[in-house]
Amino acid sequence: MERLCASVLAHSDGQTAIDIAWVPRDAASYKSLMDSLITVLSDELPALPLYIPQEIFRDFTGLSESELPEMLEKRLLRIRRVILFIRPDISSDTIFKAITWMAENVDTGFSLPDVTKHCYLNRYYFSSLFHEATGIRYCDYAKIMKVERAKILLTGPSRKQTVAIAATLGFRDPQYFSDMFREVTGVRPAKYQYDVEDDLKNYLPRLAKKKETCLQEGAAAEN
């Protein structure tokens, strides 16, 4: 587990392969590994659970032996990308701490004055320092962070509606929040929620149908 944690936490482009060859190749072992990994990583990164999508916790049941490692690595890389966003590999300690604070306090609906107060900097210097350290404007980074959090609130176990999520994330106007969400994702919050829920609902039936098709093709090939 320590080796896997170190690999997932490694700062990279977020795409480098993760060594999972040592993990027993069965659905139960993979599910247990994912649950343990999230628990361990969350102890080190308290903000992590706020940004982990629901599909990460799906059961591995129904996947073939060849599909299991591919799905596990895909989920691990997804977690790594989340970590790289909430704990970026940047040289500025001030901005690193600012982003960590933003990630952990996203549900307070923070604004730029809140962040600069935390950093003891004026907004103009902070904005300049932020862009220099990350290559992204503060407003764009905060926008993406809040949208990523909104995705979880829309589709997690305690699903919320757009108006409630907008208020949680500090938007007085739900329509403005909805427009911003569509700007980042390409769809409105309600459509995103529907699509994810539909995908989750049909996940296991799709796997069962795929397995049945493979068995039929195998039988046909033998004949």
C-alpha atoms as a PDB file:
ATOM      1  CA  MET A   1       0.000   0.000   0.000  1.00  0.00           C
ATOM      2  CA  GLU A   2       2.851   2.411   0.798  1.00  0.00           C
ATOM      3  CA  ARG A   3       4.348   1.818  -2.639  1.00  0.00           C
ATOM      4  CA  LEU A   4       1.011   2.425  -4.336  1.00  0.00           C
ATOM      5  CA  CYS A   5       0.357   5.591  -2.330  1.00  0.00           C
ATOM      6  CA  ALA A   6       3.780   6.935  -3.265  1.00  0.00           C
ATOM      7  CA  SER A   7       3.098   6.189  -6.923  1.00  0.00           C
ATOM      8  CA  VAL A   8      -0.300   7.885  -6.931  1.00  0.00           C
ATOM      9  CA  LEU A   9       1.044  10.896  -5.038  1.00  0.00           C
ATOM     10  CA  ALA A  10       4.017  11.267  -7.386  1.00  0.00           C
ATOM     11  CA  HIS A  11       4.044  14.630  -9.148  1.00  0.00           C
ATOM     12  CA  SER A  12       4.019  14.017 -12.866  1.00  0.00           C
ATOM     13  CA  ASP A  13       1.899  14.729 -15.896  1.00  0.00           C
ATOM     14  CA  GLY A  14      -0.883  12.668 -14.321  1.00  0.00           C
ATOM     15  CA  GLN A  15      -0.660  10.073 -17.088  1.00  0.00           C
ATOM     16  CA  THR A  16       2.410   8.027 -16.114  1.00  0.00           C
ATOM     17  CA  ALA A  17       1.553   4.367 -15.614  1.00  0.00           C
ATOM     18  CA  ILE A  18       1.128   3.096 -12.061  1.00  0.00           C
ATOM     19  CA  ASP A  19       2.567  -0.299 -11.149  1.00  0.00           C
ATOM     20  CA  ILE A  20      -0.309  -2.588 -10.131  1.00  0.00           C
ATOM     21  CA  ALA A  21       1.193  -5.909 -11.233  1.00  0.00           C
ATOM     22  CA  TRP A  22       1.537  -7.018  -7.604  1.00  0.00           C
ATOM     23  CA  VAL A  23      -2.207  -6.685  -6.882  1.00  0.00           C
ATOM     24  CA  PRO A  24      -4.170  -9.984  -6.982  1.00  0.00           C
ATOM     25  CA  ARG A  25      -6.243  -9.851 -10.165  1.00  0.00           C
ATOM     26  CA  ASP A  26      -9.772 -10.240  -8.861  1.00  0.00           C
ATOM     27  CA  ALA A  27     -12.676  -7.845  -8.309  1.00  0.00           C
ATOM     28  CA  ALA A  28     -12.762  -8.187  -4.504  1.00  0.00           C
ATOM     29  CA  SER A  29      -9.035  -7.417  -4.120  1.00  0.00           C
ATOM     30  CA  TYR A  30      -9.294  -4.400  -6.408  1.00  0.00           C
ATOM     31  CA  LYS A  31     -12.303  -2.990  -4.536  1.00  0.00           C
ATOM     32  CA  SER A  32     -10.601  -3.505  -1.166  1.00  0.00           C
ATOM     33  CA  LEU A  33      -7.449  -1.841  -2.478  1.00  0.00           C
ATOM     34  CA  MET A  34      -9.351   1.219  -3.731  1.00  0.00           C
ATOM     35  CA  ASP A  35     -11.237   1.650  -0.458  1.00  0.00           C
ATOM     36  CA  SER A  36      -8.028   1.368   1.586  1.00  0.00           C
ATOM     37  CA  LEU A  37      -6.164   3.719  -0.730  1.00  0.00           C
ATOM     38  CA  ILE A  38      -8.806   6.444  -0.478  1.00  0.00           C
ATOM     39  CA  THR A  39      -8.762   6.152   3.319  1.00  0.00           C
ATOM     40  CA  VAL A  40      -4.969   6.437   3.538  1.00  0.00           C
ATOM     41  CA  LEU A  41      -4.723   9.298   1.039  1.00  0.00           C
ATOM     42  CA  SER A  42      -7.553  11.191   2.737  1.00  0.00           C
ATOM     43  CA  ASP A  43      -5.597  11.164   5.994  1.00  0.00           C
ATOM     44  CA  GLU A  44      -2.789  13.007   4.226  1.00  0.00           C
ATOM     45  CA  LEU A  45      -5.050  15.138   2.011  1.00  0.00           C
ATOM     46  CA  PRO A  46      -8.217  16.079   3.929  1.00  0.00           C
ATOM     47  CA  ALA A  47      -9.708  17.783   0.865  1.00  0.00           C
ATOM     48  CA  LEU A  48      -9.443  14.705  -1.351  1.00  0.00           C
ATOM     49  CA  PRO A  49     -12.872  13.175  -0.564  1.00  0.00           C
ATOM     50  CA  LEU A  50     -14.501  16.434  -1.660  1.00  0.00           C
ATOM     51  CA  TYR A  51     -13.372  15.853  -5.252  1.00  0.00           C
ATOM     52  CA  ILE A  52     -13.493  12.071  -5.738  1.00  0.00           C
ATOM     53  CA  PRO A  53     -16.179  11.179  -8.312  1.00  0.00           C
ATOM     54  CA  GLN A  54     -18.724   8.495  -7.545  1.00  0.00           C
ATOM     55  CA  GLU A  55     -17.526   6.176 -10.306  1.00  0.00           C
ATOM     56  CA  ILE A  56     -14.249   5.671  -8.437  1.00  0.00           C
ATOM     57  CA  PHE A  57     -16.179   3.658  -5.841  1.00  0.00           C
ATOM     58  CA  ARG A  58     -17.917   1.365  -8.314  1.00  0.00           C
ATOM     59  CA  ASP A  59     -17.609  -2.357  -7.781  1.00  0.00           C
ATOM     60  CA  PHE A  60     -15.269  -4.195 -10.144  1.00  0.00           C
ATOM     61  CA  THR A  61     -17.703  -7.102 -10.444  1.00  0.00           C
ATOM     62  CA  GLY A  62     -18.506  -8.068 -14.011  1.00  0.00           C
ATOM     63  CA  LEU A  63     -15.181  -7.070 -15.509  1.00  0.00           C
ATOM     64  CA  SER A  64     -13.091  -9.727 -17.207  1.00  0.00           C
ATOM     65  CA  GLU A  65      -9.618 -10.638 -15.945  1.00  0.00           C
ATOM     66  CA  SER A  66      -8.052  -8.614 -18.758  1.00  0.00           C
ATOM     67  CA  GLU A  67     -10.310  -5.596 -18.089  1.00  0.00           C
ATOM     68  CA  LEU A  68      -9.675  -5.439 -14.348  1.00  0.00           C
ATOM     69  CA  PRO A  69      -6.126  -3.950 -14.396  1.00  0.00           C
ATOM     70  CA  GLU A  70      -7.095  -1.481 -17.117  1.00  0.00           C
ATOM     71  CA  MET A  71     -10.033  -0.193 -15.065  1.00  0.00           C
ATOM     72  CA  LEU A  72      -7.988  -0.074 -11.851  1.00  0.00           C
ATOM     73  CA  GLU A  73      -5.210   1.946 -13.477  1.00  0.00           C
ATOM     74  CA  LYS A  74      -7.772   4.276 -15.050  1.00  0.00           C
ATOM     75  CA  ARG A  75      -9.268   5.000 -11.630  1.00  0.00           C
ATOM     76  CA  LEU A  76      -5.874   5.445  -9.995  1.00  0.00           C
ATOM     77  CA  LEU A  77      -4.834   7.938 -12.662  1.00  0.00           C
ATOM     78  CA  ARG A  78      -8.102   9.797 -12.092  1.00  0.00           C
ATOM     79  CA  ILE A  79      -7.276  10.080  -8.395  1.00  0.00           C
ATOM     80  CA  ARG A  80      -3.769  11.256  -9.232  1.00  0.00           C
ATOM     81  CA  ARG A  81      -5.131  14.022 -11.471  1.00  0.00           C
ATOM     82  CA  VAL A  82      -7.413  15.181  -8.668  1.00  0.00           C
ATOM     83  CA  ILE A  83      -4.458  15.277  -6.300  1.00  0.00           C
ATOM     84  CA  LEU A  84      -2.335  17.222  -8.767  1.00  0.00           C
ATOM     85  CA  PHE A  85      -5.098  19.815  -8.974  1.00  0.00           C
ATOM     86  CA  ILE A  86      -5.682  20.291  -5.247  1.00  0.00           C
ATOM     87  CA  ARG A  87      -1.990  19.865  -4.392  1.00  0.00           C
ATOM     88  CA  PRO A  88      -0.095  21.151  -7.435  1.00  0.00           C
ATOM     89  CA  ASP A  89       3.632  20.816  -7.991  1.00  0.00           C
ATOM     90  CA  ILE A  90       4.565  24.500  -7.832  1.00  0.00           C
ATOM     91  CA  SER A  91       7.536  26.356  -6.419  1.00  0.00           C
ATOM     92  CA  SER A  92       5.615  29.079  -4.570  1.00  0.00           C
ATOM     93  CA  ASP A  93       4.927  27.983  -1.017  1.00  0.00           C
ATOM     94  CA  THR A  94       2.448  30.839  -0.613  1.00  0.00           C
ATOM     95  CA  ILE A  95       0.329  29.800  -3.584  1.00  0.00           C
ATOM     96  CA  PHE A  96       0.625  26.131  -2.677  1.00  0.00           C
ATOM     97  CA  LYS A  97      -0.835  26.900   0.754  1.00  0.00           C
ATOM     98  CA  ALA A  98      -3.492  29.109  -0.830  1.00  0.00           C
ATOM     99  CA  ILE A  99      -4.661  26.339  -3.161  1.00  0.00           C
ATOM    100  CA  THR A 100      -4.641  23.822  -0.311  1.00  0.00           C
ATOM    101  CA  TRP A 101      -6.792  26.182   1.733  1.00  0.00           C
ATOM    102  CA  MET A 102      -9.145  26.779  -1.211  1.00  0.00           C
ATOM    103  CA  ALA A 103      -9.560  23.050  -1.791  1.00  0.00           C
ATOM    104  CA  GLU A 104     -10.329  22.352   1.856  1.00  0.00           C
ATOM    105  CA  ASN A 105     -12.729  25.302   2.209  1.00  0.00           C
ATOM    106  CA  VAL A 106     -14.552  25.144  -1.115  1.00  0.00           C
ATOM    107  CA  ASP A 107     -17.894  24.517   0.617  1.00  0.00           C
ATOM    108  CA  THR A 108     -17.624  27.833   2.456  1.00  0.00           C
ATOM    109  CA  GLY A 109     -18.126  29.666  -0.833  1.00  0.00           C
ATOM    110  CA  PHE A 110     -14.785  31.458  -0.556  1.00  0.00           C
ATOM    111  CA  SER A 111     -14.029  34.543  -2.615  1.00  0.00           C
ATOM    112  CA  LEU A 112     -10.781  36.275  -3.567  1.00  0.00           C
ATOM    113  CA  PRO A 113     -10.810  38.508  -0.434  1.00  0.00           C
ATOM    114  CA  ASP A 114     -11.142  35.387   1.718  1.00  0.00           C
ATOM    115  CA  VAL A 115      -8.109  33.788   0.088  1.00  0.00           C
ATOM    116  CA  THR A 116      -5.946  36.902   0.207  1.00  0.00           C
ATOM    117  CA  LYS A 117      -6.864  37.440   3.854  1.00  0.00           C
ATOM    118  CA  HIS A 118      -5.686  33.908   4.572  1.00  0.00           C
ATOM    119  CA  CYS A 119      -2.395  34.634   2.779  1.00  0.00           C
ATOM    120  CA  TYR A 120      -1.932  38.130   4.249  1.00  0.00           C
ATOM    121  CA  LEU A 121      -1.491  39.621   0.762  1.00  0.00           C
ATOM    122  CA  ASN A 122      -3.309  42.302  -1.174  1.00  0.00           C
ATOM    123  CA  ARG A 123      -5.469  41.023  -4.033  1.00  0.00           C
ATOM    124  CA  TYR A 124      -3.359  42.526  -6.826  1.00  0.00           C
ATOM    125  CA  TYR A 125      -0.062  41.061  -5.668  1.00  0.00           C
ATOM    126  CA  PHE A 126      -1.710  37.726  -4.879  1.00  0.00           C
ATOM    127  CA  SER A 127      -3.325  37.521  -8.328  1.00  0.00           C
ATOM    128  CA  SER A 128      -0.012  38.261  -9.996  1.00  0.00           C
ATOM    129  CA  LEU A 129       1.815  35.720  -7.827  1.00  0.00           C
ATOM    130  CA  PHE A 130      -0.868  33.103  -8.474  1.00  0.00           C
ATOM    131  CA  HIS A 131      -0.646  33.465 -12.240  1.00  0.00           C
ATOM    132  CA  GLU A 132       3.136  33.388 -12.134  1.00  0.00           C
ATOM    133  CA  ALA A 133       3.159  30.193 -10.050  1.00  0.00           C
ATOM    134  CA  THR A 134       0.428  28.239 -11.846  1.00  0.00           C
ATOM    135  CA  GLY A 135       0.187  29.736 -15.331  1.00  0.00           C
ATOM    136  CA  ILE A 136      -3.536  30.180 -14.712  1.00  0.00           C
ATOM    137  CA  ARG A 137      -5.465  33.181 -13.440  1.00  0.00           C
ATOM    138  CA  TYR A 138      -6.835  32.850  -9.919  1.00  0.00           C
ATOM    139  CA  CYS A 139     -10.405  33.384 -11.116  1.00  0.00           C
ATOM    140  CA  ASP A 140     -10.113  30.536 -13.643  1.00  0.00           C
ATOM    141  CA  TYR A 141      -8.541  28.161 -11.121  1.00  0.00           C
ATOM    142  CA  ALA A 142     -11.230  28.925  -8.544  1.00  0.00           C
ATOM    143  CA  LYS A 143     -13.926  28.490 -11.193  1.00  0.00           C
ATOM    144  CA  ILE A 144     -12.660  25.042 -12.176  1.00  0.00           C
ATOM    145  CA  MET A 145     -12.263  24.030  -8.530  1.00  0.00           C
ATOM    146  CA  LYS A 146     -15.839  24.987  -7.728  1.00  0.00           C
ATOM    147  CA  VAL A 147     -17.169  23.221 -10.812  1.00  0.00           C
ATOM    148  CA  GLU A 148     -15.268  20.058  -9.885  1.00  0.00           C
ATOM    149  CA  ARG A 149     -16.772  20.227  -6.412  1.00  0.00           C
ATOM    150  CA  ALA A 150     -20.206  20.873  -7.916  1.00  0.00           C
ATOM    151  CA  LYS A 151     -19.908  17.669  -9.949  1.00  0.00           C
ATOM    152  CA  ILE A 152     -19.515  15.694  -6.730  1.00  0.00           C
ATOM    153  CA  LEU A 153     -22.419  17.478  -5.035  1.00  0.00           C
ATOM    154  CA  LEU A 154     -24.602  16.779  -8.064  1.00  0.00           C
ATOM    155  CA  THR A 155     -23.853  13.070  -8.214  1.00  0.00           C
ATOM    156  CA  GLY A 156     -22.676  11.923  -4.780  1.00  0.00           C
ATOM    157  CA  PRO A 157     -24.683   9.920  -2.230  1.00  0.00           C
ATOM    158  CA  SER A 158     -26.310  13.130  -0.904  1.00  0.00           C
ATOM    159  CA  ARG A 159     -27.293  14.608  -4.242  1.00  0.00           C
ATOM    160  CA  LYS A 160     -28.192  18.292  -4.254  1.00  0.00           C
ATOM    161  CA  GLN A 161     -29.987  20.486  -6.739  1.00  0.00           C
ATOM    162  CA  THR A 162     -28.444  23.406  -8.615  1.00  0.00           C
ATOM    163  CA  VAL A 163     -29.847  26.156  -6.357  1.00  0.00           C
ATOM    164  CA  ALA A 164     -28.495  24.541  -3.187  1.00  0.00           C
ATOM    165  CA  ILE A 165     -25.086  23.859  -4.760  1.00  0.00           C
ATOM    166  CA  ALA A 166     -24.800  27.428  -6.030  1.00  0.00           C
ATOM    167  CA  ALA A 167     -25.432  28.732  -2.503  1.00  0.00           C
ATOM    168  CA  THR A 168     -22.924  26.286  -0.991  1.00  0.00           C
ATOM    169  CA  LEU A 169     -20.203  27.388  -3.396  1.00  0.00           C
ATOM    170  CA  GLY A 170     -20.814  31.103  -2.878  1.00  0.00           C
ATOM    171  CA  PHE A 171     -22.960  32.042  -5.882  1.00  0.00           C
ATOM    172  CA  ARG A 172     -25.927  34.273  -5.118  1.00  0.00           C
ATOM    173  CA  ASP A 173     -27.363  33.806  -8.598  1.00  0.00           C
ATOM    174  CA  PRO A 174     -28.076  30.148  -9.513  1.00  0.00           C
ATOM    175  CA  GLN A 175     -28.365  31.100 -13.179  1.00  0.00           C
ATOM    176  CA  TYR A 176     -24.871  32.581 -13.164  1.00  0.00           C
ATOM    177  CA  PHE A 177     -23.585  29.396 -11.559  1.00  0.00           C
ATOM    178  CA  SER A 178     -25.382  27.279 -14.161  1.00  0.00           C
ATOM    179  CA  ASP A 179     -23.889  29.354 -16.977  1.00  0.00           C
ATOM    180  CA  MET A 180     -20.421  28.995 -15.482  1.00  0.00           C
ATOM    181  CA  PHE A 181     -20.873  25.242 -15.093  1.00  0.00           C
ATOM    182  CA  ARG A 182     -21.856  24.937 -18.744  1.00  0.00           C
ATOM    183  CA  GLU A 183     -18.898  27.096 -19.767  1.00  0.00           C
ATOM    184  CA  VAL A 184     -16.509  24.625 -18.090  1.00  0.00           C
ATOM    185  CA  THR A 185     -18.247  21.308 -18.818  1.00  0.00           C
ATOM    186  CA  GLY A 186     -20.339  21.987 -21.914  1.00  0.00           C
ATOM    187  CA  VAL A 187     -23.624  21.062 -20.205  1.00  0.00           C
ATOM    188  CA  ARG A 188     -25.960  22.473 -17.580  1.00  0.00           C
ATOM    189  CA  PRO A 189     -25.771  21.051 -14.018  1.00  0.00           C
ATOM    190  CA  ALA A 190     -29.111  19.230 -14.363  1.00  0.00           C
ATOM    191  CA  LYS A 191     -27.995  17.563 -17.604  1.00  0.00           C
ATOM    192  CA  TYR A 192     -24.678  16.549 -16.057  1.00  0.00           C
ATOM    193  CA  GLN A 193     -26.502  15.062 -13.061  1.00  0.00           C
ATOM    194  CA  TYR A 194     -28.883  13.117 -15.303  1.00  0.00           C
ATOM    195  CA  ASP A 195     -26.082  11.768 -17.510  1.00  0.00           C
ATOM    196  CA  VAL A 196     -23.967  10.541 -14.587  1.00  0.00           C
ATOM    197  CA  GLU A 197     -26.929   8.951 -12.794  1.00  0.00           C
ATOM    198  CA  ASP A 198     -28.008   7.263 -16.015  1.00  0.00           C
ATOM    199  CA  ASP A 199     -24.486   5.935 -16.536  1.00  0.00           C
ATOM    200  CA  LEU A 200     -24.311   4.581 -12.973  1.00  0.00           C
ATOM    201  CA  LYS A 201     -27.732   2.957 -13.293  1.00  0.00           C
ATOM    202  CA  ASN A 202     -26.825   1.170 -16.508  1.00  0.00           C
ATOM    203  CA  TYR A 203     -23.236   0.269 -15.612  1.00  0.00           C
ATOM    204  CA  LEU A 204     -23.789  -3.312 -14.431  1.00  0.00           C
ATOM    205  CA  PRO A 205     -26.440  -4.121 -17.076  1.00  0.00           C
ATOM    206  CA  ARG A 206     -23.981  -2.976 -19.756  1.00  0.00           C
ATOM    207  CA  LEU A 207     -21.280  -5.230 -18.332  1.00  0.00           C
ATOM    208  CA  ALA A 208     -23.664  -8.195 -18.214  1.00  0.00           C
ATOM    209  CA  LYS A 209     -24.715  -7.628 -21.809  1.00  0.00           C
ATOM    210  CA  LYS A 210     -21.091  -7.277 -22.904  1.00  0.00           C
ATOM    211  CA  LYS A 211     -20.182 -10.528 -21.161  1.00  0.00           C
ATOM    212  CA  GLU A 212     -23.127 -12.316 -22.767  1.00  0.00           C
ATOM    213  CA  THR A 213     -22.095 -11.044 -26.198  1.00  0.00           C
ATOM    214  CA  CYS A 214     -18.521 -12.247 -25.677  1.00  0.00           C
ATOM    215  CA  LEU A 215     -19.764 -15.694 -24.654  1.00  0.00           C
ATOM    216  CA  GLN A 216     -22.005 -15.896 -27.720  1.00  0.00           C
ATOM    217  CA  GLU A 217     -19.157 -14.828 -30.013  1.00  0.00           C
ATOM    218  CA  GLY A 218     -16.895 -17.424 -28.380  1.00  0.00           C
ATOM    219  CA  ALA A 219     -19.474 -20.153 -28.865  1.00  0.00           C
ATOM    220  CA  ALA A 220     -19.983 -19.127 -32.481  1.00  0.00           C
ATOM    221  CA  ALA A 221     -16.237 -19.212 -33.121  1.00  0.00           C
ATOM    222  CA  GLU A 222     -16.007 -22.751 -31.748  1.00  0.00           C
ATOM    223  CA  ASN A 223     -18.747 -23.826 -34.108  1.00  0.00           C
END
